[in-house]
Amino acid sequence: MYWEDYLPVIMFLGLAFGLFSGIPVAFVVGGIGLLFGFIGSFYDMFSVMEFFNIPVRIWGGAVENLVLVAVPCFIFMGTMLERSGVANDLLEILDVLLKKVPGGLAMSVTLMGTIMAATTGIIGASVVMMTLMALPTMLRAGYAKSLSTGTIAASATLGILIPPSIMLVIMADLLALSVGNLFLGAIFPGLLLSSLYLVYILIIARVKPSMAPRVKDNSLVESHGSMRKMVLKGFVPPVFLMVLVLGSIFAGWATPTEAAGVGAFGAILLTIFNGRMTGGVMREVCERTAIICGMIFFIFMGATAFSYVFRSLGGEDLIIAGIEALGFGSWGILIVLMATIFILGFFFDFIEITLIVLPVFAPVVAIMDFGDHVVGRDVIYWFAILVATNLQTSFLTPPFSFALFYMKGVAPSSVKIQDIYAGIIPFVSLQVIGLALVIAFPGIALWLPNALLE
């Protein structure tokens, strides 16, 4: 073999170095793809005419893709709900209900993060919102800084897994899978992670009560009248919106795109109902939605160019041949892929990992044989959920832990970055345990979609 036969490997290494250069990711990914396309054409490994296929793929894969229209609608819904005040009302009612439970305040934050995850997938907004609302209160109640920050960071990032998740929409498009089935498959893994957090908090509150003392006086709730009024205001609206959006998808009444539009409209109504809607709010929400969508779709364009050139140069065949030469077997390969994604999460954002790595790894997984553990088409659905669960860690693992940077930016000055890093260690461990459970028991991800499809 000549050195040019290893162009895909050099291409991947060039991408790794380029991502650390500080240049916007979309330019790096797309630029590396085009550069190696020209290099490949020099060695007759890539036809110049193939460059014309890249705009066609971008147009057909992103511009004309109706499924991806759900992404800006879900982003708008989450951003609008952040400004509606729904989260604050929800935290108040949960704090009242769990007041007498050890670690009740931390549990309230976790449950709020779980419920809000089903209505918003904007992680930056969720982390900032929950930090501003809950962290000062937890610190005043005597909670340890590490437990407070870890609880908020872990629960605020559940929105990337629990549907309607932007990441799952993108994954479904990349892997040609049903968005509704992926949504169904992610529900139990998301609830599993939330349950692990709750159990950990309860154990810590009992073993080390100084880290999570009981709150004698309810510090979040003032005079809001009867419990019924609080539930109607703080609990019913977000849950109703969640059921409306997800229920319409699962029942087959609406496509994900249509349900996303309903969710966006519902978020506007909730904001109006809470008296928070102004012209400035609408303008800010639209601007933030446009910025986030622009970032996602720009990366999508660059990743399309990269993956097309990578495959044309034989990268997919080279990876499959290399993995087969290792002789690890399907289970060994799966562990290597999961470990690789976990390590990439230390350095890159979930969007970058999803758009760059998933098209490369998916063909490898498609030829794996796991015996009776997972069979047929379920393998690729299971793998997608494993990747989504794994990518939960990418928000919490340093040095480029985006959720922790968001938190530090709005946290009180008394909270140091060391406190935040110490707080996320047990929660990252819980995420790895959750991933291991989904690997060991694939029914966690596959039972619900298979049961509803039968």
Protein backbone atom coordinates (compact mmCIF):
# COMPACT_ATOMS: atom_id res chain seq x y z
CA MET A 1 0.00 0.00 0.00
CA TYR A 2 1.17 3.51 -0.78
CA TRP A 3 0.96 6.40 1.64
CA GLU A 4 -1.98 7.92 -0.25
CA ASP A 5 -4.00 4.83 0.68
CA TYR A 6 -3.93 6.19 4.23
CA LEU A 7 -5.36 9.56 3.23
CA PRO A 8 -8.54 8.96 5.30
CA VAL A 9 -6.41 8.43 8.42
CA ILE A 10 -4.41 11.59 7.73
CA MET A 11 -7.69 13.37 7.04
CA PHE A 12 -9.07 12.36 10.43
CA LEU A 13 -5.87 13.41 12.21
CA GLY A 14 -5.97 16.74 10.37
CA LEU A 15 -9.52 17.23 11.60
CA ALA A 16 -8.44 16.52 15.19
CA PHE A 17 -5.68 19.15 15.01
CA GLY A 18 -7.93 21.63 13.23
CA LEU A 19 -10.62 21.45 15.89
CA PHE A 20 -8.09 22.62 18.47
CA SER A 21 -7.05 25.60 16.37
CA GLY A 22 -9.85 27.85 17.59
CA ILE A 23 -11.29 28.28 14.10
CA PRO A 24 -15.09 27.80 13.99
CA VAL A 25 -15.91 24.11 13.78
CA ALA A 26 -18.00 24.42 10.61
CA PHE A 27 -15.07 25.99 8.71
CA VAL A 28 -12.62 23.38 10.01
CA VAL A 29 -14.79 20.36 9.15
CA GLY A 30 -15.85 21.63 5.74
CA GLY A 31 -12.40 23.00 4.92
CA ILE A 32 -10.63 19.73 5.78
CA GLY A 33 -13.14 17.87 3.61
CA LEU A 34 -12.59 20.11 0.59
CA LEU A 35 -8.80 20.17 1.07
CA PHE A 36 -8.50 16.40 1.09
CA GLY A 37 -10.89 16.22 -1.83
CA PHE A 38 -8.36 18.22 -3.87
CA ILE A 39 -5.49 16.09 -2.54
CA GLY A 40 -7.41 12.94 -3.45
CA SER A 41 -8.09 14.26 -6.95
CA PHE A 42 -4.33 14.76 -7.43
CA TYR A 43 -3.82 11.03 -6.75
CA ASP A 44 -6.85 9.98 -8.81
CA MET A 45 -8.69 8.85 -5.68
CA PHE A 46 -11.37 11.54 -5.88
CA SER A 47 -12.88 12.90 -9.07
CA VAL A 48 -13.15 16.66 -9.44
CA MET A 49 -16.71 16.13 -10.67
CA GLU A 50 -17.57 14.67 -7.27
CA PHE A 51 -17.31 18.13 -5.74
CA PHE A 52 -20.62 18.90 -7.42
CA ASN A 53 -22.21 16.09 -5.39
CA ILE A 54 -21.49 17.88 -2.12
CA PRO A 55 -23.93 20.81 -2.64
CA VAL A 56 -26.53 18.30 -3.85
CA ARG A 57 -26.12 16.27 -0.65
CA ILE A 58 -26.28 19.40 1.50
CA TRP A 59 -29.44 20.52 -0.31
CA GLY A 60 -31.12 17.14 -0.09
CA GLY A 61 -29.83 16.33 3.40
CA ALA A 62 -30.52 19.62 5.16
CA VAL A 63 -32.27 22.24 3.06
CA GLU A 64 -35.06 20.03 1.69
CA ASN A 65 -35.27 17.76 4.73
CA LEU A 66 -38.65 18.37 6.36
CA VAL A 67 -37.67 16.42 9.48
CA LEU A 68 -34.95 18.94 10.29
CA VAL A 69 -37.55 21.73 10.32
CA ALA A 70 -38.40 20.37 13.77
CA VAL A 71 -34.99 21.55 15.05
CA PRO A 72 -35.63 25.33 14.92
CA CYS A 73 -39.17 24.80 16.25
CA PHE A 74 -37.91 22.83 19.26
CA ILE A 75 -35.18 25.42 19.84
CA PHE A 76 -37.78 28.20 19.74
CA MET A 77 -40.01 26.26 22.15
CA GLY A 78 -37.21 25.73 24.66
CA THR A 79 -35.98 29.31 24.47
CA MET A 80 -39.48 30.71 24.88
CA LEU A 81 -40.22 28.42 27.84
CA GLU A 82 -37.06 29.71 29.51
CA ARG A 83 -38.58 33.20 29.44
CA SER A 84 -42.10 32.09 30.43
CA GLY A 85 -41.42 31.59 34.14
CA VAL A 86 -42.76 28.03 34.00
CA ALA A 87 -39.56 26.55 35.44
CA ASN A 88 -39.67 28.79 38.49
CA ASP A 89 -43.27 27.81 39.26
CA LEU A 90 -42.39 24.14 38.76
CA LEU A 91 -39.48 24.31 41.20
CA GLU A 92 -41.70 25.92 43.82
CA ILE A 93 -44.34 23.19 43.73
CA LEU A 94 -41.73 20.40 43.76
CA ASP A 95 -39.97 22.01 46.72
CA VAL A 96 -43.24 22.01 48.66
CA LEU A 97 -44.00 18.37 47.83
CA LEU A 98 -40.52 17.10 48.77
CA LYS A 99 -39.90 19.39 51.74
CA LYS A 100 -39.79 16.56 54.31
CA VAL A 101 -37.69 14.16 52.22
CA PRO A 102 -33.93 13.98 52.95
CA GLY A 103 -32.21 15.91 50.20
CA GLY A 104 -35.62 17.16 49.10
CA LEU A 105 -34.37 20.41 47.61
CA ALA A 106 -31.78 18.63 45.45
CA MET A 107 -34.42 16.10 44.43
CA SER A 108 -36.73 18.96 43.46
CA VAL A 109 -34.01 20.36 41.20
CA THR A 110 -33.47 16.93 39.62
CA LEU A 111 -37.18 16.39 39.00
CA MET A 112 -37.52 19.90 37.59
CA GLY A 113 -34.63 19.19 35.23
CA THR A 114 -36.30 15.94 34.16
CA ILE A 115 -39.65 17.57 33.46
CA MET A 116 -38.11 20.58 31.74
CA ALA A 117 -35.99 18.23 29.62
CA ALA A 118 -39.19 17.06 27.97
CA THR A 119 -40.04 20.61 26.99
CA THR A 120 -36.66 22.15 26.14
CA GLY A 121 -33.45 20.78 24.70
CA ILE A 122 -31.42 24.00 24.92
CA ILE A 123 -28.73 22.94 27.38
CA GLY A 124 -27.04 26.32 27.78
CA ALA A 125 -30.34 28.01 28.59
CA SER A 126 -31.38 25.21 30.98
CA VAL A 127 -28.09 25.32 32.91
CA VAL A 128 -28.15 29.11 33.26
CA MET A 129 -31.83 29.16 34.22
CA MET A 130 -31.53 26.41 36.85
CA THR A 131 -28.30 27.83 38.26
CA LEU A 132 -29.83 31.26 38.75
CA MET A 133 -32.98 29.83 40.33
CA ALA A 134 -31.72 26.96 42.46
CA LEU A 135 -28.03 27.38 43.31
CA PRO A 136 -28.33 30.40 45.66
CA THR A 137 -31.26 28.72 47.43
CA MET A 138 -29.39 25.44 47.87
CA LEU A 139 -26.35 27.24 49.25
CA ARG A 140 -28.50 29.24 51.70
CA ALA A 141 -30.08 25.98 52.84
CA GLY A 142 -26.63 24.64 53.74
CA TYR A 143 -26.13 22.26 50.83
CA ALA A 144 -22.54 21.43 49.92
CA LYS A 145 -21.27 23.38 46.93
CA SER A 146 -20.17 20.20 45.15
CA LEU A 147 -23.55 18.47 45.55
CA SER A 148 -25.44 21.62 44.56
CA THR A 149 -23.46 22.28 41.40
CA GLY A 150 -23.31 18.61 40.39
CA THR A 151 -27.06 18.16 40.80
CA ILE A 152 -27.89 21.23 38.74
CA ALA A 153 -25.38 20.48 35.97
CA ALA A 154 -26.44 16.83 35.58
CA SER A 155 -30.19 17.40 35.70
CA ALA A 156 -30.06 20.47 33.41
CA THR A 157 -28.38 18.45 30.66
CA LEU A 158 -31.00 15.67 30.56
CA GLY A 159 -32.73 17.57 27.76
CA ILE A 160 -30.21 16.26 25.27
CA LEU A 161 -31.46 12.70 25.84
CA ILE A 162 -35.07 12.94 26.98
CA PRO A 163 -37.32 13.72 23.98
CA PRO A 164 -38.07 15.95 22.23
CA SER A 165 -34.29 16.13 21.84
CA ILE A 166 -32.57 18.06 19.07
CA MET A 167 -29.76 15.51 19.08
CA LEU A 168 -32.19 12.62 18.48
CA VAL A 169 -33.73 14.48 15.53
CA ILE A 170 -30.28 14.92 13.99
CA MET A 171 -29.35 11.30 14.72
CA ALA A 172 -32.54 10.02 13.12
CA ASP A 173 -31.77 11.98 9.97
CA LEU A 174 -28.14 10.83 9.79
CA LEU A 175 -29.02 7.17 10.32
CA ALA A 176 -32.29 7.19 8.33
CA LEU A 177 -34.25 6.11 11.42
CA SER A 178 -37.71 7.00 12.65
CA VAL A 179 -37.66 10.06 14.90
CA GLY A 180 -40.69 8.78 16.81
CA ASN A 181 -39.03 5.43 17.51
CA LEU A 182 -35.84 7.11 18.68
CA PHE A 183 -37.89 9.36 20.96
CA LEU A 184 -39.60 6.29 22.43
CA GLY A 185 -36.29 4.49 22.86
CA ALA A 186 -34.71 7.41 24.75
CA ILE A 187 -37.48 7.80 27.35
CA PHE A 188 -36.48 4.98 29.70
CA PRO A 189 -32.69 5.64 29.48
CA GLY A 190 -33.38 9.30 30.31
CA LEU A 191 -35.60 8.36 33.24
CA LEU A 192 -32.97 5.82 34.32
CA LEU A 193 -30.33 8.54 34.60
CA SER A 194 -32.74 10.76 36.50
CA SER A 195 -33.54 7.89 38.89
CA LEU A 196 -29.84 7.22 39.48
CA TYR A 197 -29.38 10.89 40.39
CA LEU A 198 -32.31 10.74 42.83
CA VAL A 199 -31.02 7.57 44.51
CA TYR A 200 -27.54 9.08 44.84
CA ILE A 201 -28.93 12.25 46.40
CA LEU A 202 -31.04 10.23 48.85
CA ILE A 203 -28.04 8.13 49.88
CA ILE A 204 -25.83 11.20 50.33
CA ALA A 205 -28.55 12.94 52.37
CA ARG A 206 -28.74 9.95 54.72
CA VAL A 207 -25.03 9.08 54.92
CA LYS A 208 -23.73 12.67 55.02
CA PRO A 209 -26.64 14.85 56.17
CA SER A 210 -24.31 17.83 56.42
CA MET A 211 -24.08 17.89 52.62
CA ALA A 212 -27.86 17.94 52.15
CA PRO A 213 -29.59 19.18 55.32
CA ARG A 214 -33.34 19.21 55.68
CA VAL A 215 -34.92 22.56 54.85
CA LYS A 216 -36.95 23.65 57.86
CA ASP A 217 -38.60 26.63 56.22
CA ASN A 218 -39.63 26.52 52.62
CA SER A 219 -37.33 29.12 51.12
CA LEU A 220 -38.73 29.04 47.62
CA VAL A 221 -42.44 29.35 48.22
CA GLU A 222 -44.14 32.46 49.45
CA SER A 223 -47.89 32.86 49.78
CA HIS A 224 -49.37 31.26 46.67
CA GLY A 225 -52.69 30.18 48.10
CA SER A 226 -53.85 26.60 48.07
CA MET A 227 -51.90 23.59 46.87
CA ARG A 228 -54.42 23.15 44.06
CA LYS A 229 -53.67 26.62 42.75
CA MET A 230 -49.92 25.95 42.87
CA VAL A 231 -50.29 22.67 40.99
CA LEU A 232 -52.49 24.26 38.34
CA LYS A 233 -49.98 27.05 37.80
CA GLY A 234 -46.64 25.29 38.22
CA PHE A 235 -47.13 21.65 37.27
CA VAL A 236 -50.01 21.26 34.83
CA PRO A 237 -48.85 23.66 32.04
CA PRO A 238 -45.41 22.14 31.30
CA VAL A 239 -46.70 18.57 31.68
CA PHE A 240 -49.65 19.31 29.38
CA LEU A 241 -47.32 20.79 26.77
CA MET A 242 -45.02 17.77 27.06
CA VAL A 243 -47.92 15.34 26.61
CA LEU A 244 -49.27 17.40 23.72
CA VAL A 245 -45.97 17.38 21.83
CA LEU A 246 -44.76 13.85 22.54
CA GLY A 247 -48.21 12.27 22.69
CA SER A 248 -49.12 13.53 19.25
CA ILE A 249 -45.92 11.99 17.84
CA PHE A 250 -46.26 8.64 19.60
CA ALA A 251 -49.97 8.35 18.77
CA GLY A 252 -49.26 9.03 15.11
CA TRP A 253 -51.45 12.14 15.06
CA ALA A 254 -48.60 14.41 13.99
CA THR A 255 -45.12 14.20 12.50
CA PRO A 256 -42.20 15.44 14.63
CA THR A 257 -42.15 18.61 12.53
CA GLU A 258 -45.85 19.30 13.11
CA ALA A 259 -45.56 18.48 16.82
CA ALA A 260 -42.60 20.86 17.11
CA GLY A 261 -44.72 23.63 15.60
CA VAL A 262 -47.48 22.89 18.12
CA GLY A 263 -44.92 22.99 20.92
CA ALA A 264 -43.58 26.36 19.78
CA PHE A 265 -47.10 27.78 19.65
CA GLY A 266 -47.86 26.28 23.08
CA ALA A 267 -44.75 27.90 24.54
CA ILE A 268 -45.96 31.28 23.26
CA LEU A 269 -49.36 30.73 24.89
CA LEU A 270 -47.75 29.79 28.23
CA THR A 271 -45.58 32.90 28.13
CA ILE A 272 -48.65 35.06 27.45
CA PHE A 273 -50.59 33.25 30.21
CA ASN A 274 -47.81 33.99 32.72
CA GLY A 275 -47.74 37.66 31.71
CA ARG A 276 -44.15 37.49 30.44
CA MET A 277 -44.73 38.14 26.74
CA THR A 278 -43.42 41.44 25.37
CA GLY A 279 -42.08 42.56 22.04
CA GLY A 280 -38.56 42.47 23.45
CA VAL A 281 -38.98 38.88 24.63
CA MET A 282 -40.24 37.72 21.24
CA ARG A 283 -37.39 39.51 19.44
CA GLU A 284 -34.76 38.04 21.79
CA VAL A 285 -36.18 34.51 21.47
CA CYS A 286 -36.23 34.76 17.67
CA GLU A 287 -32.66 36.07 17.57
CA ARG A 288 -31.33 33.34 19.86
CA THR A 289 -33.19 30.69 17.88
CA ALA A 290 -31.69 31.99 14.62
CA ILE A 291 -28.15 32.02 16.06
CA ILE A 292 -28.37 28.48 17.43
CA CYS A 293 -29.96 27.15 14.23
CA GLY A 294 -27.32 28.87 12.12
CA MET A 295 -24.55 27.23 14.15
CA ILE A 296 -26.12 23.76 13.92
CA PHE A 297 -26.86 23.87 10.19
CA PHE A 298 -23.49 25.40 9.32
CA ILE A 299 -21.80 22.48 11.08
CA PHE A 300 -24.22 20.16 9.28
CA MET A 301 -23.02 21.54 5.93
CA GLY A 302 -19.35 21.14 6.83
CA ALA A 303 -19.88 17.64 8.20
CA THR A 304 -21.69 16.61 5.01
CA ALA A 305 -18.70 17.67 2.92
CA PHE A 306 -16.27 15.93 5.29
CA SER A 307 -18.16 12.62 5.45
CA TYR A 308 -18.67 12.49 1.67
CA VAL A 309 -14.97 13.00 0.91
CA PHE A 310 -13.96 10.64 3.74
CA ARG A 311 -16.09 7.84 2.30
CA SER A 312 -15.01 8.53 -1.27
CA LEU A 313 -11.37 8.18 -0.22
CA GLY A 314 -12.15 4.77 1.26
CA GLY A 315 -12.23 5.83 4.90
CA GLU A 316 -15.22 3.65 5.74
CA ASP A 317 -13.60 0.52 4.28
CA LEU A 318 -10.29 1.33 5.99
CA ILE A 319 -11.97 1.65 9.40
CA ILE A 320 -13.91 -1.59 8.98
CA ALA A 321 -10.77 -3.44 7.87
CA GLY A 322 -8.77 -1.99 10.75
CA ILE A 323 -11.33 -2.94 13.36
CA GLU A 324 -11.71 -6.44 11.95
CA ALA A 325 -7.91 -6.84 12.06
CA LEU A 326 -7.96 -6.10 15.80
CA GLY A 327 -9.96 -9.27 16.34
CA PHE A 328 -11.97 -7.82 19.22
CA GLY A 329 -15.31 -9.20 18.06
CA SER A 330 -18.56 -7.26 18.11
CA TRP A 331 -18.59 -6.68 21.86
CA GLY A 332 -14.98 -5.53 21.94
CA ILE A 333 -15.59 -3.16 19.04
CA LEU A 334 -18.68 -1.73 20.76
CA ILE A 335 -16.69 -1.03 23.93
CA VAL A 336 -13.94 0.64 21.88
CA LEU A 337 -16.50 2.83 20.08
CA MET A 338 -18.20 3.82 23.36
CA ALA A 339 -14.82 4.59 24.96
CA THR A 340 -13.84 6.68 21.92
CA ILE A 341 -17.06 8.73 22.08
CA PHE A 342 -16.60 9.18 25.84
CA ILE A 343 -13.05 10.50 25.35
CA LEU A 344 -14.13 12.77 22.49
CA GLY A 345 -16.69 14.24 24.89
CA PHE A 346 -13.82 15.70 26.92
CA PHE A 347 -12.91 17.95 24.01
CA PHE A 348 -15.85 18.42 21.64
CA ASP A 349 -19.52 19.41 21.69
CA PHE A 350 -22.23 16.79 21.16
CA ILE A 351 -23.20 18.32 17.79
CA GLU A 352 -19.66 17.99 16.49
CA ILE A 353 -19.34 14.41 17.72
CA THR A 354 -22.74 13.44 16.32
CA LEU A 355 -22.27 14.93 12.86
CA ILE A 356 -18.66 13.86 12.41
CA VAL A 357 -18.38 10.51 14.16
CA LEU A 358 -21.81 8.93 13.77
CA PRO A 359 -21.68 8.57 9.95
CA VAL A 360 -18.26 6.92 10.34
CA PHE A 361 -19.19 4.50 13.13
CA ALA A 362 -22.70 3.55 11.96
CA PRO A 363 -21.58 1.33 9.02
CA VAL A 364 -19.26 -0.51 11.40
CA VAL A 365 -22.09 -1.21 13.83
CA ALA A 366 -24.40 -2.33 11.02
CA ILE A 367 -22.24 -5.40 10.34
CA MET A 368 -21.88 -6.43 14.00
CA ASP A 369 -23.39 -9.62 15.40
CA PHE A 370 -24.53 -9.59 19.03
CA GLY A 371 -26.27 -12.95 18.89
CA ASP A 372 -29.61 -13.05 20.66
CA HIS A 373 -28.76 -9.98 22.76
CA VAL A 374 -29.87 -7.56 20.04
CA VAL A 375 -30.94 -8.66 16.57
CA GLY A 376 -31.84 -7.18 13.20
CA ARG A 377 -32.82 -3.54 12.82
CA ASP A 378 -32.83 -3.12 16.62
CA VAL A 379 -29.02 -3.00 16.58
CA ILE A 380 -28.80 0.43 14.96
CA TYR A 381 -31.58 1.86 17.16
CA TRP A 382 -29.84 0.48 20.24
CA PHE A 383 -26.51 1.93 19.10
CA ALA A 384 -28.09 5.36 18.53
CA ILE A 385 -29.50 5.38 22.08
CA LEU A 386 -26.13 4.24 23.47
CA VAL A 387 -24.42 7.14 21.71
CA ALA A 388 -27.05 9.57 22.98
CA THR A 389 -26.64 8.29 26.55
CA ASN A 390 -22.87 8.42 26.23
CA LEU A 391 -22.96 12.00 24.98
CA GLN A 392 -24.59 13.10 28.25
CA THR A 393 -21.07 13.04 29.67
CA SER A 394 -19.75 15.48 27.05
CA PHE A 395 -21.43 18.38 28.86
CA LEU A 396 -19.80 17.59 32.20
CA THR A 397 -16.31 16.27 31.46
CA PRO A 398 -13.44 18.82 31.55
CA PRO A 399 -11.59 20.57 30.06
CA PHE A 400 -14.29 21.65 27.56
CA SER A 401 -17.34 20.97 29.75
CA PHE A 402 -19.78 23.47 28.29
CA ALA A 403 -22.43 23.08 31.00
CA LEU A 404 -19.86 23.85 33.69
CA PHE A 405 -18.71 26.98 31.88
CA TYR A 406 -22.32 28.17 31.63
CA MET A 407 -22.76 27.50 35.33
CA LYS A 408 -19.57 29.25 36.40
CA GLY A 409 -20.59 32.31 34.40
CA VAL A 410 -23.72 32.89 36.50
CA ALA A 411 -22.84 31.19 39.81
CA PRO A 412 -22.12 33.25 42.96
CA SER A 413 -18.48 34.27 43.36
CA SER A 414 -18.16 31.98 46.38
CA VAL A 415 -18.51 28.95 44.08
CA LYS A 416 -15.13 28.10 42.57
CA ILE A 417 -14.52 26.09 39.43
CA GLN A 418 -12.91 23.45 41.66
CA ASP A 419 -16.22 23.04 43.51
CA ILE A 420 -18.01 22.51 40.21
CA TYR A 421 -15.47 19.96 38.95
CA ALA A 422 -15.67 18.07 42.26
CA GLY A 423 -19.45 18.06 42.01
CA ILE A 424 -19.72 16.49 38.57
CA ILE A 425 -17.44 13.49 39.23
CA PRO A 426 -20.11 11.30 40.90
CA PHE A 427 -22.71 12.28 38.33
CA VAL A 428 -20.43 11.39 35.40
CA SER A 429 -19.89 8.05 37.15
CA LEU A 430 -23.67 7.61 37.36
CA GLN A 431 -23.97 8.38 33.65
CA VAL A 432 -21.40 5.69 32.87
CA ILE A 433 -23.34 3.25 35.08
CA GLY A 434 -26.51 4.17 33.20
CA LEU A 435 -24.75 3.55 29.87
CA ALA A 436 -23.52 0.15 31.12
CA LEU A 437 -27.05 -0.80 32.15
CA VAL A 438 -28.44 0.08 28.71
CA ILE A 439 -25.67 -2.02 27.12
CA ALA A 440 -26.36 -4.96 29.44
CA PHE A 441 -30.14 -4.67 29.21
CA PRO A 442 -31.05 -3.40 25.72
CA GLY A 443 -34.73 -3.69 26.58
CA ILE A 444 -34.36 -0.40 28.47
CA ALA A 445 -34.05 1.29 25.09
CA LEU A 446 -35.94 -1.15 22.86
CA TRP A 447 -38.91 -2.42 24.86
CA LEU A 448 -41.10 0.66 24.59
CA PRO A 449 -40.81 1.26 20.80
CA ASN A 450 -41.16 -2.46 20.10
CA ALA A 451 -44.17 -2.78 22.42
CA LEU A 452 -46.00 0.12 20.81
CA LEU A 453 -45.21 -1.07 17.30
CA GLU A 454 -46.60 -4.57 17.87
